[in-house]
Amino acid sequence: MNNQRGITGLETAIILIAFVVVASVFAYTVLTAGIYSSQKANESVNAAVDEVRSSITIAGNTIAYTGAVDIDGLASTTSDRVDAAVRIAVTIGVALQGIAIDLTPAYQLNATNKSLEPSGDTSSLVINFIDQQQVISNAAWTVAFSGTNDGDFSLEPTEKAVLTIWLSDYKYDNTHGLYYALGTDTDDPFIDASGDLLTNYNTFGVEISPVQGTPLVIEKVIPQSLNPIMNLR
């Protein structure tokens, strides 16, 4: 008899099942990787959109205020005071009708004597002041809302806020009243030396960084005359 060899139906079934299992695993792997990649791309797009939507924009003028800064820190002596820009006010809004921005300030004006004092609240917005003489990280600032607002510190698309950056400390003396003073050391958020005060022709920059979104950078020049109120162009 001829020696004939063949393949049985059971062997064929095993081979086919193996092919099906391998193909299924491969297809599942490819499909899972595609879904994962698509999900990550979607998350990246949404994160980018949130970054843009939460950005802030200039919504008004940038105003510099001039004051007489006491050099020795004693309110009783006025002959040593130097005129300089002591605070910068910037009107901001939310760009592109985006999400609200937390403007809870770390500083506030005293309700009784209007001097500058810590608010006791944790602030998520960081403002840095830079000029040719110094960098003040996390400068002191207060906030006041302009026009319609709902009474909280959340800047919403329908609202505008005026951020005031204090370059000099604003103190109160029971006898001599309110006055501006230099900072005492590098740990405080104020200008510490009289030679570093912001005066005429000085260029400076302000960087306003929310907890989410791109920072707003403003660069201005103090004009040749130190008027009490200066609209910076």
C-alpha atoms as a PDB file:
ATOM      1  CA  MET A   1       0.000   0.000   0.000  1.00  0.00           C
ATOM      2  CA  ASN A   2       1.150   3.535  -0.690  1.00  0.00           C
ATOM      3  CA  ASN A   3       2.424   5.474   2.350  1.00  0.00           C
ATOM      4  CA  GLN A   4       0.027   8.429   2.436  1.00  0.00           C
ATOM      5  CA  ARG A   5       0.013  11.116   5.179  1.00  0.00           C
ATOM      6  CA  GLY A   6      -2.572  13.884   5.637  1.00  0.00           C
ATOM      7  CA  ILE A   7      -3.912  16.420   8.077  1.00  0.00           C
ATOM      8  CA  THR A   8      -6.900  15.769  10.244  1.00  0.00           C
ATOM      9  CA  GLY A   9      -9.797  18.085  10.858  1.00  0.00           C
ATOM     10  CA  LEU A  10      -8.766  18.562  14.506  1.00  0.00           C
ATOM     11  CA  GLU A  11      -5.287  19.786  13.530  1.00  0.00           C
ATOM     12  CA  THR A  12      -6.813  22.155  11.015  1.00  0.00           C
ATOM     13  CA  ALA A  13      -9.150  23.546  13.650  1.00  0.00           C
ATOM     14  CA  ILE A  14      -6.271  24.094  16.083  1.00  0.00           C
ATOM     15  CA  ILE A  15      -4.268  25.992  13.458  1.00  0.00           C
ATOM     16  CA  LEU A  16      -7.241  28.147  12.491  1.00  0.00           C
ATOM     17  CA  ILE A  17      -8.017  28.911  16.127  1.00  0.00           C
ATOM     18  CA  ALA A  18      -4.384  29.925  16.676  1.00  0.00           C
ATOM     19  CA  PHE A  19      -4.532  32.289  13.705  1.00  0.00           C
ATOM     20  CA  VAL A  20      -7.789  33.793  14.970  1.00  0.00           C
ATOM     21  CA  VAL A  21      -6.440  34.280  18.491  1.00  0.00           C
ATOM     22  CA  VAL A  22      -3.219  35.911  17.255  1.00  0.00           C
ATOM     23  CA  ALA A  23      -5.166  38.186  14.896  1.00  0.00           C
ATOM     24  CA  SER A  24      -7.601  39.135  17.656  1.00  0.00           C
ATOM     25  CA  VAL A  25      -4.796  40.014  20.066  1.00  0.00           C
ATOM     26  CA  PHE A  26      -3.039  42.059  17.388  1.00  0.00           C
ATOM     27  CA  ALA A  27      -6.253  43.844  16.441  1.00  0.00           C
ATOM     28  CA  TYR A  28      -7.046  44.591  20.100  1.00  0.00           C
ATOM     29  CA  THR A  29      -3.526  45.967  20.650  1.00  0.00           C
ATOM     30  CA  VAL A  30      -3.748  48.210  17.593  1.00  0.00           C
ATOM     31  CA  LEU A  31      -7.240  49.384  18.484  1.00  0.00           C
ATOM     32  CA  THR A  32      -6.276  50.098  22.113  1.00  0.00           C
ATOM     33  CA  ALA A  33      -3.185  52.037  21.036  1.00  0.00           C
ATOM     34  CA  GLY A  34      -5.262  54.064  18.600  1.00  0.00           C
ATOM     35  CA  ILE A  35      -7.877  54.897  21.229  1.00  0.00           C
ATOM     36  CA  TYR A  36      -5.178  55.821  23.748  1.00  0.00           C
ATOM     37  CA  SER A  37      -3.412  58.059  21.236  1.00  0.00           C
ATOM     38  CA  SER A  38      -6.696  59.689  20.269  1.00  0.00           C
ATOM     39  CA  GLN A  39      -7.568  60.259  23.918  1.00  0.00           C
ATOM     40  CA  LYS A  40      -4.173  61.826  24.647  1.00  0.00           C
ATOM     41  CA  ALA A  41      -4.460  64.049  21.595  1.00  0.00           C
ATOM     42  CA  ASN A  42      -7.921  65.111  22.733  1.00  0.00           C
ATOM     43  CA  GLU A  43      -6.611  65.879  26.227  1.00  0.00           C
ATOM     44  CA  SER A  44      -3.755  67.934  24.755  1.00  0.00           C
ATOM     45  CA  VAL A  45      -6.149  69.927  22.587  1.00  0.00           C
ATOM     46  CA  ASN A  46      -8.502  70.548  25.515  1.00  0.00           C
ATOM     47  CA  ALA A  47      -5.599  71.595  27.739  1.00  0.00           C
ATOM     48  CA  ALA A  48      -4.360  74.003  25.066  1.00  0.00           C
ATOM     49  CA  VAL A  49      -7.850  75.445  24.667  1.00  0.00           C
ATOM     50  CA  ASP A  50      -8.137  75.903  28.443  1.00  0.00           C
ATOM     51  CA  GLU A  51      -4.775  77.672  28.491  1.00  0.00           C
ATOM     52  CA  VAL A  52      -5.954  80.145  25.868  1.00  0.00           C
ATOM     53  CA  ARG A  53      -9.423  80.547  27.329  1.00  0.00           C
ATOM     54  CA  SER A  54      -8.056  81.358  30.765  1.00  0.00           C
ATOM     55  CA  SER A  55      -5.550  83.954  29.568  1.00  0.00           C
ATOM     56  CA  ILE A  56      -5.903  87.565  30.667  1.00  0.00           C
ATOM     57  CA  THR A  57      -5.800  90.672  28.553  1.00  0.00           C
ATOM     58  CA  ILE A  58      -5.394  94.422  29.047  1.00  0.00           C
ATOM     59  CA  ALA A  59      -8.857  95.952  29.274  1.00  0.00           C
ATOM     60  CA  GLY A  60      -7.968  99.587  29.964  1.00  0.00           C
ATOM     61  CA  ASN A  61      -5.194 102.052  30.690  1.00  0.00           C
ATOM     62  CA  THR A  62      -1.996 101.483  32.637  1.00  0.00           C
ATOM     63  CA  ILE A  63      -1.678 104.251  35.226  1.00  0.00           C
ATOM     64  CA  ALA A  64       1.358 105.194  37.335  1.00  0.00           C
ATOM     65  CA  TYR A  65       0.920 107.204  40.540  1.00  0.00           C
ATOM     66  CA  THR A  66       3.618 109.462  41.978  1.00  0.00           C
ATOM     67  CA  GLY A  67       4.275 109.777  45.682  1.00  0.00           C
ATOM     68  CA  ALA A  68       6.928 111.074  48.080  1.00  0.00           C
ATOM     69  CA  VAL A  69       8.879 108.097  49.414  1.00  0.00           C
ATOM     70  CA  ASP A  70      10.358 108.463  52.889  1.00  0.00           C
ATOM     71  CA  ILE A  71      13.970 107.284  52.773  1.00  0.00           C
ATOM     72  CA  ASP A  72      14.668 106.726  56.485  1.00  0.00           C
ATOM     73  CA  GLY A  73      11.276 105.155  57.212  1.00  0.00           C
ATOM     74  CA  LEU A  74      10.351 107.798  59.808  1.00  0.00           C
ATOM     75  CA  ALA A  75       7.108 109.634  59.178  1.00  0.00           C
ATOM     76  CA  SER A  76       8.249 112.553  61.338  1.00  0.00           C
ATOM     77  CA  THR A  77      10.995 113.558  58.881  1.00  0.00           C
ATOM     78  CA  THR A  78       9.845 114.833  55.499  1.00  0.00           C
ATOM     79  CA  SER A  79      12.959 116.544  54.153  1.00  0.00           C
ATOM     80  CA  ASP A  80      14.443 113.235  52.998  1.00  0.00           C
ATOM     81  CA  ARG A  81      11.481 112.195  50.864  1.00  0.00           C
ATOM     82  CA  VAL A  82      11.975 111.498  47.156  1.00  0.00           C
ATOM     83  CA  ASP A  83       9.316 111.722  44.452  1.00  0.00           C
ATOM     84  CA  ALA A  84       8.915 108.495  42.471  1.00  0.00           C
ATOM     85  CA  ALA A  85       6.305 106.224  40.927  1.00  0.00           C
ATOM     86  CA  VAL A  86       4.993 104.330  43.924  1.00  0.00           C
ATOM     87  CA  ARG A  87       2.226 102.191  42.403  1.00  0.00           C
ATOM     88  CA  ILE A  88       1.118 100.951  39.001  1.00  0.00           C
ATOM     89  CA  ALA A  89      -2.550 100.275  38.186  1.00  0.00           C
ATOM     90  CA  VAL A  90      -3.448  97.888  35.335  1.00  0.00           C
ATOM     91  CA  THR A  91      -7.004  97.182  34.158  1.00  0.00           C
ATOM     92  CA  ILE A  92      -7.417  93.584  32.998  1.00  0.00           C
ATOM     93  CA  GLY A  93     -10.125  91.256  31.712  1.00  0.00           C
ATOM     94  CA  VAL A  94     -10.513  87.647  30.607  1.00  0.00           C
ATOM     95  CA  ALA A  95      -9.430  86.988  27.014  1.00  0.00           C
ATOM     96  CA  LEU A  96     -11.653  85.217  24.470  1.00  0.00           C
ATOM     97  CA  GLN A  97     -14.634  84.914  26.802  1.00  0.00           C
ATOM     98  CA  GLY A  98     -12.721  82.230  28.679  1.00  0.00           C
ATOM     99  CA  ILE A  99     -12.918  80.734  32.129  1.00  0.00           C
ATOM    100  CA  ALA A 100     -12.789  82.804  35.311  1.00  0.00           C
ATOM    101  CA  ILE A 101      -9.468  83.774  36.957  1.00  0.00           C
ATOM    102  CA  ASP A 102      -8.901  83.837  40.703  1.00  0.00           C
ATOM    103  CA  LEU A 103      -7.855  87.327  41.837  1.00  0.00           C
ATOM    104  CA  THR A 104      -7.781  86.752  45.574  1.00  0.00           C
ATOM    105  CA  PRO A 105      -5.157  89.308  46.727  1.00  0.00           C
ATOM    106  CA  ALA A 106      -2.425  88.735  49.293  1.00  0.00           C
ATOM    107  CA  TYR A 107      -2.621  92.424  50.288  1.00  0.00           C
ATOM    108  CA  GLN A 108      -5.425  94.858  51.034  1.00  0.00           C
ATOM    109  CA  LEU A 109      -5.982  98.390  52.286  1.00  0.00           C
ATOM    110  CA  ASN A 110      -6.789  98.723  55.956  1.00  0.00           C
ATOM    111  CA  ALA A 111     -10.479  99.476  56.396  1.00  0.00           C
ATOM    112  CA  THR A 112      -9.778 102.207  58.963  1.00  0.00           C
ATOM    113  CA  ASN A 113      -6.633 104.100  57.960  1.00  0.00           C
ATOM    114  CA  LYS A 114      -6.215 102.842  54.325  1.00  0.00           C
ATOM    115  CA  SER A 115      -2.632 101.652  54.855  1.00  0.00           C
ATOM    116  CA  LEU A 116      -1.330  98.600  53.001  1.00  0.00           C
ATOM    117  CA  GLU A 117      -1.486  95.351  54.936  1.00  0.00           C
ATOM    118  CA  PRO A 118      -1.490  91.580  54.288  1.00  0.00           C
ATOM    119  CA  SER A 119      -4.961  90.260  53.594  1.00  0.00           C
ATOM    120  CA  GLY A 120      -4.391  86.924  55.269  1.00  0.00           C
ATOM    121  CA  ASP A 121      -5.663  85.103  52.163  1.00  0.00           C
ATOM    122  CA  THR A 122      -3.708  82.801  49.878  1.00  0.00           C
ATOM    123  CA  SER A 123      -3.198  84.325  46.446  1.00  0.00           C
ATOM    124  CA  SER A 124      -2.776  82.182  43.325  1.00  0.00           C
ATOM    125  CA  LEU A 125      -2.012  85.108  40.996  1.00  0.00           C
ATOM    126  CA  VAL A 126       1.662  86.094  40.858  1.00  0.00           C
ATOM    127  CA  ILE A 127       2.864  89.515  39.706  1.00  0.00           C
ATOM    128  CA  ASN A 128       6.548  90.160  39.060  1.00  0.00           C
ATOM    129  CA  PHE A 129       8.083  93.610  38.612  1.00  0.00           C
ATOM    130  CA  ILE A 130      11.256  94.014  36.522  1.00  0.00           C
ATOM    131  CA  ASP A 131      13.310  97.067  35.620  1.00  0.00           C
ATOM    132  CA  GLN A 132      16.962  97.874  34.945  1.00  0.00           C
ATOM    133  CA  GLN A 133      17.797  97.921  38.649  1.00  0.00           C
ATOM    134  CA  GLN A 134      15.945  94.996  40.177  1.00  0.00           C
ATOM    135  CA  VAL A 135      13.476  92.135  39.986  1.00  0.00           C
ATOM    136  CA  ILE A 136      10.696  91.981  42.560  1.00  0.00           C
ATOM    137  CA  SER A 137       9.217  88.497  42.515  1.00  0.00           C
ATOM    138  CA  ASN A 138       5.680  88.161  43.834  1.00  0.00           C
ATOM    139  CA  ALA A 139       5.193  91.904  44.238  1.00  0.00           C
ATOM    140  CA  ALA A 140       2.531  93.325  46.550  1.00  0.00           C
ATOM    141  CA  TRP A 141      -0.770  94.016  44.789  1.00  0.00           C
ATOM    142  CA  THR A 142      -4.380  94.803  45.567  1.00  0.00           C
ATOM    143  CA  VAL A 143      -7.485  94.469  43.414  1.00  0.00           C
ATOM    144  CA  ALA A 144     -10.610  96.554  42.836  1.00  0.00           C
ATOM    145  CA  PHE A 145     -13.312  95.579  40.367  1.00  0.00           C
ATOM    146  CA  SER A 146     -14.475  98.153  37.851  1.00  0.00           C
ATOM    147  CA  GLY A 147     -18.110  98.287  36.766  1.00  0.00           C
ATOM    148  CA  THR A 148     -20.435  95.318  37.127  1.00  0.00           C
ATOM    149  CA  ASN A 149     -19.268  92.464  39.355  1.00  0.00           C
ATOM    150  CA  ASP A 150     -20.795  89.789  41.562  1.00  0.00           C
ATOM    151  CA  GLY A 151     -18.866  90.667  44.715  1.00  0.00           C
ATOM    152  CA  ASP A 152     -16.276  87.869  44.753  1.00  0.00           C
ATOM    153  CA  PHE A 153     -12.612  87.749  43.698  1.00  0.00           C
ATOM    154  CA  SER A 154     -13.279  85.668  40.588  1.00  0.00           C
ATOM    155  CA  LEU A 155     -12.653  87.622  37.382  1.00  0.00           C
ATOM    156  CA  GLU A 156     -15.301  86.503  34.902  1.00  0.00           C
ATOM    157  CA  PRO A 157     -15.683  87.335  31.193  1.00  0.00           C
ATOM    158  CA  THR A 158     -18.236  90.078  31.911  1.00  0.00           C
ATOM    159  CA  GLU A 159     -16.045  91.804  34.515  1.00  0.00           C
ATOM    160  CA  LYS A 160     -13.001  94.057  34.629  1.00  0.00           C
ATOM    161  CA  ALA A 161     -10.533  94.418  37.479  1.00  0.00           C
ATOM    162  CA  VAL A 162      -7.906  97.018  38.367  1.00  0.00           C
ATOM    163  CA  LEU A 163      -4.727  95.458  39.745  1.00  0.00           C
ATOM    164  CA  THR A 164      -2.571  97.909  41.707  1.00  0.00           C
ATOM    165  CA  ILE A 165       1.095  96.933  42.082  1.00  0.00           C
ATOM    166  CA  TRP A 166       2.651  98.637  45.112  1.00  0.00           C
ATOM    167  CA  LEU A 167       6.339  99.448  44.585  1.00  0.00           C
ATOM    168  CA  SER A 168       6.669 101.227  47.940  1.00  0.00           C
ATOM    169  CA  ASP A 169       5.190 100.311  51.292  1.00  0.00           C
ATOM    170  CA  TYR A 170       2.172 102.414  52.279  1.00  0.00           C
ATOM    171  CA  LYS A 171       2.193 103.037  56.021  1.00  0.00           C
ATOM    172  CA  TYR A 172       0.142 104.959  58.565  1.00  0.00           C
ATOM    173  CA  ASP A 173       1.460 107.052  61.434  1.00  0.00           C
ATOM    174  CA  ASN A 174      -0.918 108.223  64.152  1.00  0.00           C
ATOM    175  CA  THR A 175       0.582 111.723  64.083  1.00  0.00           C
ATOM    176  CA  HIS A 176       1.613 112.240  60.465  1.00  0.00           C
ATOM    177  CA  GLY A 177      -0.891 110.070  58.640  1.00  0.00           C
ATOM    178  CA  LEU A 178      -0.221 108.002  55.525  1.00  0.00           C
ATOM    179  CA  TYR A 179       3.187 107.951  53.839  1.00  0.00           C
ATOM    180  CA  TYR A 180       5.253 105.844  51.435  1.00  0.00           C
ATOM    181  CA  ALA A 181       8.383 104.064  52.649  1.00  0.00           C
ATOM    182  CA  LEU A 182      11.155 101.857  51.283  1.00  0.00           C
ATOM    183  CA  GLY A 183      11.240  98.161  51.946  1.00  0.00           C
ATOM    184  CA  THR A 184      13.406  96.891  54.771  1.00  0.00           C
ATOM    185  CA  ASP A 185      15.075  93.868  53.111  1.00  0.00           C
ATOM    186  CA  THR A 186      15.023  91.651  50.039  1.00  0.00           C
ATOM    187  CA  ASP A 187      12.334  89.431  51.556  1.00  0.00           C
ATOM    188  CA  ASP A 188       9.642  92.102  51.338  1.00  0.00           C
ATOM    189  CA  PRO A 189       7.858  92.900  48.039  1.00  0.00           C
ATOM    190  CA  PHE A 190       8.967  96.552  47.845  1.00  0.00           C
ATOM    191  CA  ILE A 191      11.862  98.596  46.456  1.00  0.00           C
ATOM    192  CA  ASP A 192      14.547  98.738  49.165  1.00  0.00           C
ATOM    193  CA  ALA A 193      16.975 101.445  47.999  1.00  0.00           C
ATOM    194  CA  SER A 194      16.338 105.063  47.081  1.00  0.00           C
ATOM    195  CA  GLY A 195      18.574 104.735  44.011  1.00  0.00           C
ATOM    196  CA  ASP A 196      16.317 101.973  42.681  1.00  0.00           C
ATOM    197  CA  LEU A 197      13.086 103.991  42.814  1.00  0.00           C
ATOM    198  CA  LEU A 198      11.099 104.268  39.588  1.00  0.00           C
ATOM    199  CA  THR A 199      11.553 107.793  38.250  1.00  0.00           C
ATOM    200  CA  ASN A 200      11.410 109.677  34.946  1.00  0.00           C
ATOM    201  CA  TYR A 201      12.596 107.899  31.779  1.00  0.00           C
ATOM    202  CA  ASN A 202      12.820 104.546  33.579  1.00  0.00           C
ATOM    203  CA  THR A 203      11.622 101.496  31.651  1.00  0.00           C
ATOM    204  CA  PHE A 204       9.928  98.699  33.549  1.00  0.00           C
ATOM    205  CA  GLY A 205       7.986  95.508  32.963  1.00  0.00           C
ATOM    206  CA  VAL A 206       5.145  93.799  34.815  1.00  0.00           C
ATOM    207  CA  GLU A 207       4.435  90.091  34.414  1.00  0.00           C
ATOM    208  CA  ILE A 208       0.990  88.937  35.566  1.00  0.00           C
ATOM    209  CA  SER A 209       0.805  85.142  35.844  1.00  0.00           C
ATOM    210  CA  PRO A 210      -2.483  83.367  36.646  1.00  0.00           C
ATOM    211  CA  VAL A 211      -2.438  79.831  38.020  1.00  0.00           C
ATOM    212  CA  GLN A 212      -3.706  78.609  34.640  1.00  0.00           C
ATOM    213  CA  GLY A 213      -3.114  80.310  31.316  1.00  0.00           C
ATOM    214  CA  THR A 214      -0.397  82.345  29.683  1.00  0.00           C
ATOM    215  CA  PRO A 215       1.165  85.299  31.545  1.00  0.00           C
ATOM    216  CA  LEU A 216       0.389  88.880  30.561  1.00  0.00           C
ATOM    217  CA  VAL A 217       3.560  90.937  30.077  1.00  0.00           C
ATOM    218  CA  ILE A 218       3.391  94.746  30.095  1.00  0.00           C
ATOM    219  CA  GLU A 219       6.331  97.013  29.281  1.00  0.00           C
ATOM    220  CA  LYS A 220       6.089 100.777  29.876  1.00  0.00           C
ATOM    221  CA  VAL A 221       8.260 103.880  30.273  1.00  0.00           C
ATOM    222  CA  ILE A 222       7.844 106.570  32.914  1.00  0.00           C
ATOM    223  CA  PRO A 223       7.554 109.978  31.166  1.00  0.00           C
ATOM    224  CA  GLN A 224       9.938 112.871  31.677  1.00  0.00           C
ATOM    225  CA  SER A 225       7.638 114.640  34.157  1.00  0.00           C
ATOM    226  CA  LEU A 226       6.512 112.901  37.326  1.00  0.00           C
ATOM    227  CA  ASN A 227       2.908 114.039  37.457  1.00  0.00           C
ATOM    228  CA  PRO A 228       0.667 112.804  40.287  1.00  0.00           C
ATOM    229  CA  ILE A 229      -1.200 110.585  37.801  1.00  0.00           C
ATOM    230  CA  MET A 230       0.452 109.362  34.597  1.00  0.00           C
ATOM    231  CA  ASN A 231      -1.281 107.467  31.794  1.00  0.00           C
ATOM    232  CA  LEU A 232       1.532 105.302  30.444  1.00  0.00           C
ATOM    233  CA  ARG A 233       1.588 104.768  26.682  1.00  0.00           C
END
